[in-house]
Amino acid sequence: MTFSEYVVSRWGTLSLAAAEHALVVAIAIGIATAVGVGIGLLTYETPKARGASLALSAGILTIPSLALLTLLIPITGLGWGSTLIALTGYAFLPIIRNTVTGLRGVDAATVEAGRGMGLSSARVLLRVRLPLAWPLILAGVRISTQMLIGIAAIAAYVDGPGLGNQIFEGLARLGSVNSLNATLAGTLGIVVIAVLFDAGFSAVRLLTTPRGLRVRP
């Protein structure tokens, strides 16, 4: 059976796995963005809290994904729960780091101009710092998303959703009929998902970033 015939014959299974792969990444990145940006907003002016949040998120990222997923099994079981927790944890560092860097990198003169207009500290944060930091924050979310798309494939080891199951089933049967097709279908599916997510972030960047702050990726 050729690769194209394999894809056609198993289109239902492959498309469902791809949809689950994209969904688990989207949910994880959504949670990580909300929490990570919030942590950045709360800690960017406090050195100790900022250092602690960055150190903790960096520490999570150093844990091998297979080890973390395995350690989560007794707590959250197999499947979606362990996958979501692991992916969310891995996404924090780029988001928190870019949020802190973006907020702290806003020109002091711009901040003072906002205060001179009578804006409170909260309004300066929301109307001046956050919009100017947004391109860098979005870049952090984009990096985390691309990273999670790859890591999500490993979740197949804990019965997680996504295309990783196709890859590992093919590798486990390497040399048998359609084993290479299964592995290739899962791998190419993940590449397609990564490209689609990246295109989506490019569109979001264009729609949400002021023209004067836009830079080429």
N, C-alpha and C. Protein backbone atom coordinates (compact mmCIF):
# COMPACT_ATOMS: atom_id res chain seq x y z
N MET A 1 0.84 -1.19 0.00
CA MET A 1 0.00 0.00 0.00
C MET A 1 0.89 1.25 0.00
N THR A 2 0.61 2.17 -0.93
CA THR A 2 1.38 3.41 -0.96
C THR A 2 0.97 4.33 0.19
N PHE A 3 1.78 5.36 0.41
CA PHE A 3 1.48 6.29 1.50
C PHE A 3 0.15 7.00 1.28
N SER A 4 -0.10 7.43 0.06
CA SER A 4 -1.36 8.13 -0.21
C SER A 4 -2.56 7.21 0.00
N GLU A 5 -2.43 5.95 -0.40
CA GLU A 5 -3.52 5.00 -0.17
C GLU A 5 -3.73 4.76 1.31
N TYR A 6 -2.63 4.72 2.06
CA TYR A 6 -2.74 4.54 3.50
C TYR A 6 -3.50 5.70 4.14
N VAL A 7 -3.14 6.93 3.75
CA VAL A 7 -3.80 8.11 4.31
C VAL A 7 -5.29 8.11 3.98
N VAL A 8 -5.63 7.80 2.73
CA VAL A 8 -7.03 7.78 2.32
C VAL A 8 -7.81 6.72 3.09
N SER A 9 -7.23 5.53 3.22
CA SER A 9 -7.94 4.42 3.88
C SER A 9 -8.13 4.66 5.38
N ARG A 10 -7.26 5.47 5.96
CA ARG A 10 -7.35 5.72 7.41
C ARG A 10 -7.61 7.20 7.72
N TRP A 11 -8.24 7.89 6.78
CA TRP A 11 -8.44 9.32 6.93
C TRP A 11 -9.23 9.67 8.19
N GLY A 12 -10.25 8.89 8.49
CA GLY A 12 -11.07 9.16 9.67
C GLY A 12 -10.25 9.10 10.95
N THR A 13 -9.44 8.06 11.09
CA THR A 13 -8.60 7.90 12.28
C THR A 13 -7.55 9.00 12.37
N LEU A 14 -6.91 9.29 11.22
CA LEU A 14 -5.86 10.30 11.21
C LEU A 14 -6.40 11.70 11.48
N SER A 15 -7.53 12.04 10.90
CA SER A 15 -8.09 13.37 11.10
C SER A 15 -8.56 13.56 12.54
N LEU A 16 -9.11 12.51 13.14
CA LEU A 16 -9.52 12.59 14.54
C LEU A 16 -8.31 12.77 15.45
N ALA A 17 -7.25 12.01 15.18
CA ALA A 17 -6.03 12.13 15.97
C ALA A 17 -5.42 13.53 15.82
N ALA A 18 -5.44 14.06 14.61
CA ALA A 18 -4.90 15.40 14.37
C ALA A 18 -5.72 16.46 15.10
N ALA A 19 -7.04 16.31 15.08
CA ALA A 19 -7.90 17.25 15.78
C ALA A 19 -7.65 17.21 17.29
N GLU A 20 -7.49 16.00 17.84
CA GLU A 20 -7.20 15.86 19.27
C GLU A 20 -5.84 16.46 19.60
N HIS A 21 -4.87 16.27 18.72
CA HIS A 21 -3.52 16.80 18.93
C HIS A 21 -3.59 18.33 19.00
N ALA A 22 -4.27 18.93 18.03
CA ALA A 22 -4.39 20.39 18.00
C ALA A 22 -5.18 20.90 19.20
N LEU A 23 -6.22 20.17 19.59
CA LEU A 23 -7.06 20.63 20.70
C LEU A 23 -6.32 20.61 22.02
N VAL A 24 -5.58 19.53 22.30
CA VAL A 24 -4.88 19.44 23.58
C VAL A 24 -3.80 20.51 23.67
N VAL A 25 -3.15 20.81 22.55
CA VAL A 25 -2.14 21.88 22.54
C VAL A 25 -2.82 23.24 22.75
N ALA A 26 -3.95 23.46 22.08
CA ALA A 26 -4.65 24.74 22.20
C ALA A 26 -5.14 24.98 23.63
N ILE A 27 -5.67 23.95 24.26
CA ILE A 27 -6.15 24.11 25.64
C ILE A 27 -4.98 24.40 26.58
N ALA A 28 -3.90 23.63 26.41
CA ALA A 28 -2.73 23.82 27.27
C ALA A 28 -2.13 25.21 27.10
N ILE A 29 -2.01 25.68 25.86
CA ILE A 29 -1.41 26.99 25.63
C ILE A 29 -2.34 28.10 26.10
N GLY A 30 -3.65 27.87 26.02
CA GLY A 30 -4.59 28.86 26.53
C GLY A 30 -4.46 29.03 28.04
N ILE A 31 -4.39 27.91 28.76
CA ILE A 31 -4.24 27.96 30.22
C ILE A 31 -2.89 28.58 30.58
N ALA A 32 -1.83 28.14 29.91
CA ALA A 32 -0.49 28.65 30.20
C ALA A 32 -0.37 30.14 29.91
N THR A 33 -1.03 30.61 28.88
CA THR A 33 -0.98 32.04 28.54
C THR A 33 -1.68 32.87 29.61
N ALA A 34 -2.87 32.44 30.00
CA ALA A 34 -3.60 33.18 31.02
C ALA A 34 -2.83 33.24 32.33
N VAL A 35 -2.32 32.10 32.76
CA VAL A 35 -1.59 32.04 34.03
C VAL A 35 -0.22 32.70 33.90
N GLY A 36 0.49 32.40 32.81
CA GLY A 36 1.84 32.93 32.64
C GLY A 36 1.89 34.44 32.51
N VAL A 37 0.98 35.01 31.72
CA VAL A 37 0.93 36.47 31.60
C VAL A 37 0.53 37.10 32.93
N GLY A 38 -0.39 36.45 33.63
CA GLY A 38 -0.78 36.95 34.95
C GLY A 38 0.40 36.96 35.92
N ILE A 39 1.18 35.88 35.92
CA ILE A 39 2.37 35.83 36.79
C ILE A 39 3.35 36.93 36.40
N GLY A 40 3.54 37.12 35.10
CA GLY A 40 4.44 38.18 34.64
C GLY A 40 3.99 39.55 35.08
N LEU A 41 2.69 39.82 35.00
CA LEU A 41 2.15 41.11 35.41
C LEU A 41 2.33 41.35 36.91
N LEU A 42 2.22 40.28 37.69
CA LEU A 42 2.32 40.40 39.14
C LEU A 42 3.76 40.48 39.64
N THR A 43 4.71 39.97 38.88
CA THR A 43 6.07 39.83 39.41
C THR A 43 7.13 40.67 38.70
N TYR A 44 6.80 41.33 37.59
CA TYR A 44 7.86 41.97 36.81
C TYR A 44 8.57 43.09 37.55
N GLU A 45 7.93 43.66 38.57
CA GLU A 45 8.56 44.74 39.33
C GLU A 45 9.18 44.26 40.64
N THR A 46 9.02 42.97 40.95
CA THR A 46 9.52 42.43 42.21
C THR A 46 10.62 41.41 41.92
N PRO A 47 11.87 41.76 42.14
CA PRO A 47 12.99 40.88 41.76
C PRO A 47 12.90 39.47 42.31
N LYS A 48 12.59 39.32 43.60
CA LYS A 48 12.56 37.99 44.19
C LYS A 48 11.45 37.13 43.60
N ALA A 49 10.26 37.71 43.49
CA ALA A 49 9.13 36.96 42.93
C ALA A 49 9.37 36.65 41.46
N ARG A 50 9.95 37.61 40.75
CA ARG A 50 10.26 37.40 39.33
C ARG A 50 11.27 36.28 39.16
N GLY A 51 12.32 36.31 39.96
CA GLY A 51 13.35 35.27 39.88
C GLY A 51 12.81 33.90 40.24
N ALA A 52 11.93 33.86 41.25
CA ALA A 52 11.36 32.58 41.68
C ALA A 52 10.47 31.98 40.60
N SER A 53 9.64 32.82 39.96
CA SER A 53 8.74 32.32 38.93
C SER A 53 9.51 31.82 37.71
N LEU A 54 10.56 32.54 37.34
CA LEU A 54 11.37 32.11 36.20
C LEU A 54 12.15 30.84 36.53
N ALA A 55 12.67 30.75 37.75
CA ALA A 55 13.43 29.57 38.15
C ALA A 55 12.53 28.33 38.19
N LEU A 56 11.33 28.49 38.73
CA LEU A 56 10.41 27.36 38.82
C LEU A 56 9.97 26.89 37.44
N SER A 57 9.63 27.84 36.55
CA SER A 57 9.20 27.45 35.21
C SER A 57 10.36 26.84 34.43
N ALA A 58 11.57 27.34 34.65
CA ALA A 58 12.74 26.75 33.99
C ALA A 58 13.01 25.34 34.52
N GLY A 59 12.79 25.15 35.83
CA GLY A 59 12.98 23.83 36.42
C GLY A 59 12.03 22.81 35.83
N ILE A 60 10.78 23.20 35.61
CA ILE A 60 9.81 22.28 35.00
C ILE A 60 10.27 21.88 33.61
N LEU A 61 10.80 22.85 32.87
CA LEU A 61 11.20 22.59 31.50
C LEU A 61 12.39 21.62 31.40
N THR A 62 13.17 21.51 32.48
CA THR A 62 14.32 20.60 32.45
C THR A 62 13.93 19.15 32.71
N ILE A 63 12.72 18.91 33.19
CA ILE A 63 12.28 17.53 33.46
C ILE A 63 11.98 16.83 32.14
N PRO A 64 12.57 15.69 31.87
CA PRO A 64 12.27 14.97 30.63
C PRO A 64 10.77 14.70 30.52
N SER A 65 10.22 14.92 29.35
CA SER A 65 8.78 14.82 29.16
C SER A 65 8.24 13.44 29.50
N LEU A 66 8.95 12.40 29.11
CA LEU A 66 8.48 11.04 29.42
C LEU A 66 8.46 10.80 30.92
N ALA A 67 9.47 11.32 31.62
CA ALA A 67 9.52 11.15 33.07
C ALA A 67 8.38 11.90 33.75
N LEU A 68 8.11 13.13 33.31
CA LEU A 68 7.03 13.90 33.91
C LEU A 68 5.68 13.25 33.67
N LEU A 69 5.45 12.80 32.45
CA LEU A 69 4.19 12.14 32.14
C LEU A 69 4.00 10.89 32.99
N THR A 70 5.07 10.14 33.17
CA THR A 70 5.00 8.92 33.97
C THR A 70 4.72 9.24 35.44
N LEU A 71 5.36 10.28 35.96
CA LEU A 71 5.15 10.67 37.36
C LEU A 71 3.73 11.15 37.61
N LEU A 72 3.07 11.66 36.58
CA LEU A 72 1.71 12.18 36.74
C LEU A 72 0.65 11.08 36.73
N ILE A 73 1.01 9.90 36.25
CA ILE A 73 0.01 8.82 36.13
C ILE A 73 -0.67 8.49 37.46
N PRO A 74 0.06 8.35 38.58
CA PRO A 74 -0.63 8.03 39.84
C PRO A 74 -1.54 9.15 40.32
N ILE A 75 -1.32 10.37 39.84
CA ILE A 75 -2.10 11.52 40.31
C ILE A 75 -3.30 11.77 39.41
N THR A 76 -3.06 11.85 38.11
CA THR A 76 -4.14 12.22 37.18
C THR A 76 -4.49 11.11 36.20
N GLY A 77 -3.81 9.98 36.29
CA GLY A 77 -4.15 8.84 35.45
C GLY A 77 -3.65 8.97 34.03
N LEU A 78 -4.08 8.04 33.20
CA LEU A 78 -3.70 8.04 31.79
C LEU A 78 -4.58 9.00 31.00
N GLY A 79 -4.12 9.38 29.83
CA GLY A 79 -4.95 10.15 28.92
C GLY A 79 -4.80 11.65 29.01
N TRP A 80 -5.92 12.33 28.88
CA TRP A 80 -5.95 13.78 28.74
C TRP A 80 -5.42 14.52 29.96
N GLY A 81 -5.74 14.06 31.16
CA GLY A 81 -5.36 14.78 32.37
C GLY A 81 -3.86 14.97 32.49
N SER A 82 -3.12 13.90 32.44
CA SER A 82 -1.67 13.98 32.55
C SER A 82 -1.06 14.76 31.39
N THR A 83 -1.61 14.57 30.21
CA THR A 83 -1.11 15.28 29.04
C THR A 83 -1.27 16.79 29.19
N LEU A 84 -2.45 17.23 29.60
CA LEU A 84 -2.71 18.66 29.75
C LEU A 84 -1.82 19.29 30.82
N ILE A 85 -1.67 18.62 31.94
CA ILE A 85 -0.84 19.18 33.02
C ILE A 85 0.61 19.31 32.58
N ALA A 86 1.12 18.27 31.94
CA ALA A 86 2.51 18.30 31.49
C ALA A 86 2.73 19.39 30.44
N LEU A 87 1.87 19.46 29.46
CA LEU A 87 2.03 20.46 28.40
C LEU A 87 1.92 21.88 28.95
N THR A 88 0.97 22.09 29.85
CA THR A 88 0.82 23.42 30.43
C THR A 88 2.07 23.83 31.19
N GLY A 89 2.63 22.90 31.96
CA GLY A 89 3.84 23.20 32.72
C GLY A 89 5.01 23.55 31.82
N TYR A 90 5.16 22.83 30.72
CA TYR A 90 6.27 23.09 29.80
C TYR A 90 6.12 24.44 29.09
N ALA A 91 4.91 24.94 28.97
CA ALA A 91 4.68 26.18 28.21
C ALA A 91 5.01 27.44 29.00
N PHE A 92 5.15 27.35 30.31
CA PHE A 92 5.25 28.55 31.14
C PHE A 92 6.49 29.41 30.88
N LEU A 93 7.66 28.81 30.77
CA LEU A 93 8.90 29.59 30.75
C LEU A 93 8.94 30.65 29.65
N PRO A 94 8.75 30.30 28.38
CA PRO A 94 8.81 31.35 27.35
C PRO A 94 7.77 32.45 27.55
N ILE A 95 6.60 32.07 28.05
CA ILE A 95 5.53 33.07 28.22
C ILE A 95 5.86 34.01 29.38
N ILE A 96 6.23 33.46 30.53
CA ILE A 96 6.56 34.31 31.68
C ILE A 96 7.78 35.17 31.38
N ARG A 97 8.81 34.56 30.82
CA ARG A 97 10.04 35.30 30.52
C ARG A 97 9.80 36.44 29.54
N ASN A 98 9.04 36.19 28.49
CA ASN A 98 8.78 37.24 27.51
C ASN A 98 7.85 38.31 28.06
N THR A 99 6.92 37.91 28.92
CA THR A 99 6.05 38.91 29.54
C THR A 99 6.85 39.85 30.42
N VAL A 100 7.70 39.28 31.27
CA VAL A 100 8.54 40.09 32.16
C VAL A 100 9.48 40.98 31.35
N THR A 101 10.13 40.40 30.36
CA THR A 101 11.07 41.16 29.53
C THR A 101 10.37 42.29 28.78
N GLY A 102 9.20 41.99 28.24
CA GLY A 102 8.45 42.99 27.51
C GLY A 102 8.00 44.14 28.39
N LEU A 103 7.47 43.82 29.57
CA LEU A 103 6.98 44.86 30.48
C LEU A 103 8.13 45.72 31.01
N ARG A 104 9.23 45.09 31.33
CA ARG A 104 10.38 45.83 31.86
C ARG A 104 11.12 46.60 30.77
N GLY A 105 10.91 46.22 29.52
CA GLY A 105 11.62 46.87 28.43
C GLY A 105 10.94 48.11 27.89
N VAL A 106 9.76 48.42 28.39
CA VAL A 106 9.06 49.63 27.93
C VAL A 106 9.86 50.86 28.34
N ASP A 107 10.04 51.79 27.41
CA ASP A 107 10.83 52.99 27.67
C ASP A 107 10.27 53.78 28.85
N ALA A 108 11.16 54.16 29.76
CA ALA A 108 10.74 54.89 30.96
C ALA A 108 10.07 56.21 30.61
N ALA A 109 10.53 56.87 29.55
CA ALA A 109 9.94 58.15 29.16
C ALA A 109 8.48 57.97 28.73
N THR A 110 8.19 56.85 28.09
CA THR A 110 6.81 56.56 27.67
C THR A 110 5.92 56.35 28.88
N VAL A 111 6.45 55.63 29.87
CA VAL A 111 5.69 55.40 31.10
C VAL A 111 5.43 56.72 31.82
N GLU A 112 6.45 57.56 31.90
CA GLU A 112 6.30 58.86 32.57
C GLU A 112 5.30 59.75 31.83
N ALA A 113 5.28 59.64 30.51
CA ALA A 113 4.31 60.41 29.73
C ALA A 113 2.89 59.99 30.08
N GLY A 114 2.71 58.69 30.26
CA GLY A 114 1.39 58.20 30.66
C GLY A 114 0.98 58.68 32.03
N ARG A 115 1.93 58.67 32.94
CA ARG A 115 1.63 59.17 34.29
C ARG A 115 1.36 60.67 34.26
N GLY A 116 2.08 61.38 33.37
CA GLY A 116 1.86 62.81 33.25
C GLY A 116 0.49 63.15 32.72
N MET A 117 -0.13 62.21 32.03
CA MET A 117 -1.49 62.41 31.53
C MET A 117 -2.54 62.10 32.59
N GLY A 118 -2.07 61.76 33.78
CA GLY A 118 -3.01 61.49 34.88
C GLY A 118 -3.44 60.05 35.01
N LEU A 119 -2.77 59.14 34.31
CA LEU A 119 -3.14 57.73 34.39
C LEU A 119 -2.62 57.13 35.69
N SER A 120 -3.43 56.30 36.31
CA SER A 120 -3.00 55.59 37.51
C SER A 120 -2.01 54.51 37.12
N SER A 121 -1.37 53.91 38.12
CA SER A 121 -0.40 52.85 37.85
C SER A 121 -1.04 51.69 37.11
N ALA A 122 -2.27 51.33 37.50
CA ALA A 122 -2.97 50.22 36.84
C ALA A 122 -3.27 50.56 35.38
N ARG A 123 -3.67 51.81 35.13
CA ARG A 123 -3.99 52.22 33.76
C ARG A 123 -2.73 52.32 32.91
N VAL A 124 -1.64 52.76 33.52
CA VAL A 124 -0.37 52.79 32.79
C VAL A 124 0.02 51.37 32.38
N LEU A 125 -0.18 50.42 33.27
CA LEU A 125 0.15 49.03 32.98
C LEU A 125 -0.70 48.50 31.84
N LEU A 126 -2.00 48.75 31.90
CA LEU A 126 -2.92 48.19 30.92
C LEU A 126 -2.91 48.94 29.60
N ARG A 127 -2.69 50.25 29.64
CA ARG A 127 -2.79 51.06 28.42
C ARG A 127 -1.45 51.41 27.78
N VAL A 128 -0.39 51.31 28.56
CA VAL A 128 0.92 51.68 28.03
C VAL A 128 1.86 50.47 27.99
N ARG A 129 2.16 49.91 29.14
CA ARG A 129 3.12 48.82 29.19
C ARG A 129 2.66 47.58 28.42
N LEU A 130 1.44 47.12 28.72
CA LEU A 130 0.97 45.86 28.13
C LEU A 130 0.86 45.94 26.60
N PRO A 131 0.28 46.99 26.03
CA PRO A 131 0.24 47.06 24.55
C PRO A 131 1.63 47.08 23.92
N LEU A 132 2.58 47.79 24.55
CA LEU A 132 3.92 47.85 23.99
C LEU A 132 4.67 46.53 24.15
N ALA A 133 4.34 45.81 25.22
CA ALA A 133 5.00 44.52 25.46
C ALA A 133 4.34 43.38 24.69
N TRP A 134 3.15 43.62 24.15
CA TRP A 134 2.36 42.55 23.54
C TRP A 134 3.09 41.78 22.43
N PRO A 135 3.80 42.44 21.50
CA PRO A 135 4.50 41.65 20.47
C PRO A 135 5.47 40.63 21.04
N LEU A 136 6.19 41.01 22.09
CA LEU A 136 7.14 40.08 22.70
C LEU A 136 6.41 38.98 23.47
N ILE A 137 5.31 39.33 24.13
CA ILE A 137 4.51 38.32 24.83
C ILE A 137 3.98 37.30 23.83
N LEU A 138 3.44 37.79 22.71
CA LEU A 138 2.90 36.90 21.69
C LEU A 138 3.98 36.00 21.11
N ALA A 139 5.19 36.52 20.98
CA ALA A 139 6.30 35.69 20.51
C ALA A 139 6.58 34.55 21.48
N GLY A 140 6.48 34.82 22.78
CA GLY A 140 6.67 33.77 23.77
C GLY A 140 5.59 32.70 23.67
N VAL A 141 4.35 33.12 23.46
CA VAL A 141 3.25 32.17 23.30
C VAL A 141 3.47 31.33 22.05
N ARG A 142 3.94 31.96 21.01
CA ARG A 142 4.20 31.27 19.75
C ARG A 142 5.29 30.21 19.91
N ILE A 143 6.35 30.56 20.61
CA ILE A 143 7.44 29.61 20.85
C ILE A 143 6.94 28.42 21.67
N SER A 144 6.18 28.72 22.72
CA SER A 144 5.64 27.65 23.56
C SER A 144 4.74 26.72 22.77
N THR A 145 3.92 27.28 21.90
CA THR A 145 3.00 26.46 21.11
C THR A 145 3.75 25.49 20.21
N GLN A 146 4.76 25.98 19.50
CA GLN A 146 5.53 25.11 18.62
C GLN A 146 6.22 24.01 19.42
N MET A 147 6.69 24.35 20.61
CA MET A 147 7.35 23.37 21.46
C MET A 147 6.35 22.30 21.91
N LEU A 148 5.15 22.71 22.29
CA LEU A 148 4.15 21.77 22.78
C LEU A 148 3.66 20.83 21.69
N ILE A 149 3.60 21.31 20.46
CA ILE A 149 3.13 20.45 19.37
C ILE A 149 4.02 19.22 19.25
N GLY A 150 5.32 19.40 19.43
CA GLY A 150 6.23 18.27 19.38
C GLY A 150 6.15 17.41 20.62
N ILE A 151 6.11 18.05 21.80
CA ILE A 151 6.06 17.29 23.05
C ILE A 151 4.78 16.47 23.16
N ALA A 152 3.69 16.99 22.60
CA ALA A 152 2.40 16.29 22.70
C ALA A 152 2.46 14.90 22.08
N ALA A 153 3.35 14.70 21.12
CA ALA A 153 3.46 13.38 20.50
C ALA A 153 3.91 12.33 21.50
N ILE A 154 4.73 12.74 22.48
CA ILE A 154 5.26 11.80 23.47
C ILE A 154 4.17 11.34 24.43
N ALA A 155 3.08 12.10 24.50
CA ALA A 155 1.98 11.74 25.40
C ALA A 155 1.34 10.41 25.02
N ALA A 156 1.66 9.90 23.84
CA ALA A 156 1.13 8.59 23.46
C ALA A 156 1.57 7.51 24.45
N TYR A 157 2.70 7.72 25.12
CA TYR A 157 3.18 6.75 26.10
C TYR A 157 2.25 6.62 27.30
N VAL A 158 1.45 7.66 27.56
CA VAL A 158 0.51 7.59 28.68
C VAL A 158 -0.93 7.60 28.16
N ASP A 159 -1.10 7.07 26.95
CA ASP A 159 -2.41 6.97 26.33
C ASP A 159 -3.02 8.35 26.09
N GLY A 160 -2.16 9.32 25.82
CA GLY A 160 -2.64 10.67 25.56
C GLY A 160 -3.20 10.81 24.16
N PRO A 161 -3.91 11.90 23.91
CA PRO A 161 -4.51 12.11 22.58
C PRO A 161 -3.48 12.58 21.58
N GLY A 162 -3.80 12.43 20.30
CA GLY A 162 -2.95 13.02 19.28
C GLY A 162 -2.29 12.03 18.34
N LEU A 163 -1.44 12.57 17.50
CA LEU A 163 -0.79 11.80 16.44
C LEU A 163 0.40 10.98 16.93
N GLY A 164 0.81 11.17 18.16
CA GLY A 164 1.91 10.38 18.69
C GLY A 164 1.61 8.90 18.67
N ASN A 165 0.33 8.54 18.82
CA ASN A 165 -0.04 7.13 18.79
C ASN A 165 0.30 6.51 17.43
N GLN A 166 0.06 7.26 16.35
CA GLN A 166 0.40 6.76 15.02
C GLN A 166 1.90 6.52 14.89
N ILE A 167 2.67 7.47 15.40
CA ILE A 167 4.13 7.37 15.28
C ILE A 167 4.66 6.17 16.04
N PHE A 168 4.24 6.02 17.30
CA PHE A 168 4.80 4.96 18.12
C PHE A 168 4.26 3.58 17.73
N GLU A 169 3.04 3.53 17.24
CA GLU A 169 2.53 2.25 16.73
C GLU A 169 3.33 1.82 15.52
N GLY A 170 3.66 2.77 14.65
CA GLY A 170 4.47 2.44 13.48
C GLY A 170 5.86 1.99 13.87
N LEU A 171 6.48 2.71 14.83
CA LEU A 171 7.82 2.34 15.27
C LEU A 171 7.83 0.98 15.95
N ALA A 172 6.77 0.69 16.68
CA ALA A 172 6.70 -0.60 17.38
C ALA A 172 6.59 -1.76 16.40
N ARG A 173 6.02 -1.49 15.21
CA ARG A 173 5.84 -2.56 14.21
C ARG A 173 6.79 -2.38 13.03
N LEU A 174 7.89 -1.68 13.26
CA LEU A 174 8.81 -1.35 12.18
C LEU A 174 9.25 -2.61 11.43
N GLY A 175 9.09 -2.56 10.12
CA GLY A 175 9.42 -3.71 9.29
C GLY A 175 8.19 -4.46 8.83
N SER A 176 7.07 -4.27 9.50
CA SER A 176 5.84 -4.92 9.09
C SER A 176 5.08 -4.04 8.10
N VAL A 177 3.98 -4.55 7.60
CA VAL A 177 3.19 -3.83 6.61
C VAL A 177 2.64 -2.52 7.20
N ASN A 178 2.83 -1.43 6.48
CA ASN A 178 2.30 -0.11 6.81
C ASN A 178 2.93 0.53 8.05
N SER A 179 3.96 -0.08 8.62
CA SER A 179 4.57 0.53 9.80
C SER A 179 5.20 1.88 9.45
N LEU A 180 5.89 1.92 8.31
CA LEU A 180 6.50 3.18 7.88
C LEU A 180 5.45 4.21 7.52
N ASN A 181 4.38 3.76 6.88
CA ASN A 181 3.29 4.68 6.52
C ASN A 181 2.67 5.30 7.77
N ALA A 182 2.47 4.50 8.82
CA ALA A 182 1.88 5.01 10.05
C ALA A 182 2.78 6.06 10.71
N THR A 183 4.06 5.75 10.77
CA THR A 183 5.01 6.69 11.37
C THR A 183 5.09 7.98 10.56
N LEU A 184 5.14 7.85 9.25
CA LEU A 184 5.24 9.02 8.38
C LEU A 184 3.97 9.86 8.44
N ALA A 185 2.80 9.21 8.49
CA ALA A 185 1.54 9.94 8.56
C ALA A 185 1.45 10.76 9.85
N GLY A 186 1.85 10.16 10.97
CA GLY A 186 1.84 10.89 12.23
C GLY A 186 2.80 12.05 12.23
N THR A 187 4.01 11.82 11.70
CA THR A 187 5.03 12.86 11.68
C THR A 187 4.62 14.03 10.80
N LEU A 188 4.16 13.74 9.58
CA LEU A 188 3.75 14.80 8.67
C LEU A 188 2.52 15.53 9.19
N GLY A 189 1.64 14.81 9.87
CA GLY A 189 0.47 15.46 10.46
C GLY A 189 0.87 16.49 11.50
N ILE A 190 1.86 16.16 12.32
CA ILE A 190 2.36 17.11 13.33
C ILE A 190 2.99 18.32 12.66
N VAL A 191 3.71 18.11 11.57
CA VAL A 191 4.31 19.23 10.84
C VAL A 191 3.22 20.15 10.30
N VAL A 192 2.17 19.58 9.74
CA VAL A 192 1.06 20.37 9.21
C VAL A 192 0.40 21.19 10.32
N ILE A 193 0.18 20.56 11.47
CA ILE A 193 -0.42 21.27 12.60
C ILE A 193 0.47 22.44 13.02
N ALA A 194 1.77 22.21 13.08
CA ALA A 194 2.70 23.28 13.47
C ALA A 194 2.64 24.45 12.49
N VAL A 195 2.58 24.14 11.21
CA VAL A 195 2.50 25.20 10.19
C VAL A 195 1.20 25.99 10.33
N LEU A 196 0.10 25.28 10.56
CA LEU A 196 -1.20 25.95 10.70
C LEU A 196 -1.24 26.85 11.94
N PHE A 197 -0.72 26.36 13.05
CA PHE A 197 -0.67 27.17 14.26
C PHE A 197 0.19 28.42 14.02
N ASP A 198 1.32 28.24 13.36
CA ASP A 198 2.21 29.37 13.12
C ASP A 198 1.54 30.40 12.22
N ALA A 199 0.81 29.93 11.21
CA ALA A 199 0.08 30.86 10.35
C ALA A 199 -0.98 31.61 11.14
N GLY A 200 -1.62 30.91 12.08
CA GLY A 200 -2.61 31.56 12.92
C GLY A 200 -2.00 32.64 13.80
N PHE A 201 -0.83 32.37 14.35
CA PHE A 201 -0.16 33.38 15.18
C PHE A 201 0.29 34.58 14.35
N SER A 202 0.68 34.33 13.11
CA SER A 202 1.04 35.44 12.23
C SER A 202 -0.15 36.35 11.99
N ALA A 203 -1.32 35.75 11.80
CA ALA A 203 -2.53 36.53 11.61
C ALA A 203 -2.89 37.32 12.87
N VAL A 204 -2.78 36.67 14.02
CA VAL A 204 -3.08 37.34 15.29
C VAL A 204 -2.12 38.51 15.50
N ARG A 205 -0.85 38.30 15.18
CA ARG A 205 0.14 39.37 15.34
C ARG A 205 -0.21 40.58 14.49
N LEU A 206 -0.61 40.34 13.26
CA LEU A 206 -0.96 41.44 12.36
C LEU A 206 -2.22 42.18 12.83
N LEU A 207 -3.16 41.43 13.39
CA LEU A 207 -4.43 42.02 13.80
C LEU A 207 -4.36 42.75 15.14
N THR A 208 -3.44 42.34 16.00
CA THR A 208 -3.43 42.88 17.36
C THR A 208 -2.25 43.79 17.67
N THR A 209 -1.28 43.85 16.78
CA THR A 209 -0.10 44.68 17.03
C THR A 209 -0.22 46.00 16.27
N PRO A 210 -0.05 47.13 16.94
CA PRO A 210 -0.08 48.43 16.25
C PRO A 210 0.94 48.45 15.11
N ARG A 211 0.61 49.13 14.03
CA ARG A 211 1.44 49.13 12.84
C ARG A 211 2.88 49.54 13.15
N GLY A 212 3.07 50.53 14.03
CA GLY A 212 4.41 51.02 14.35
C GLY A 212 5.25 50.03 15.10
N LEU A 213 4.62 49.01 15.69
CA LEU A 213 5.37 48.03 16.48
C LEU A 213 5.60 46.73 15.73
N ARG A 214 5.05 46.62 14.51
CA ARG A 214 5.19 45.38 13.78
C ARG A 214 6.60 45.21 13.24
N VAL A 215 7.12 43.99 13.42
CA VAL A 215 8.42 43.64 12.86
C VAL A 215 8.25 42.33 12.12
N ARG A 216 9.09 42.12 11.17
CA ARG A 216 9.03 40.85 10.43
C ARG A 216 9.50 39.71 11.33
N PRO A 217 8.80 38.53 11.32
CA PRO A 217 9.20 37.39 12.14
C PRO A 217 10.53 36.83 11.71
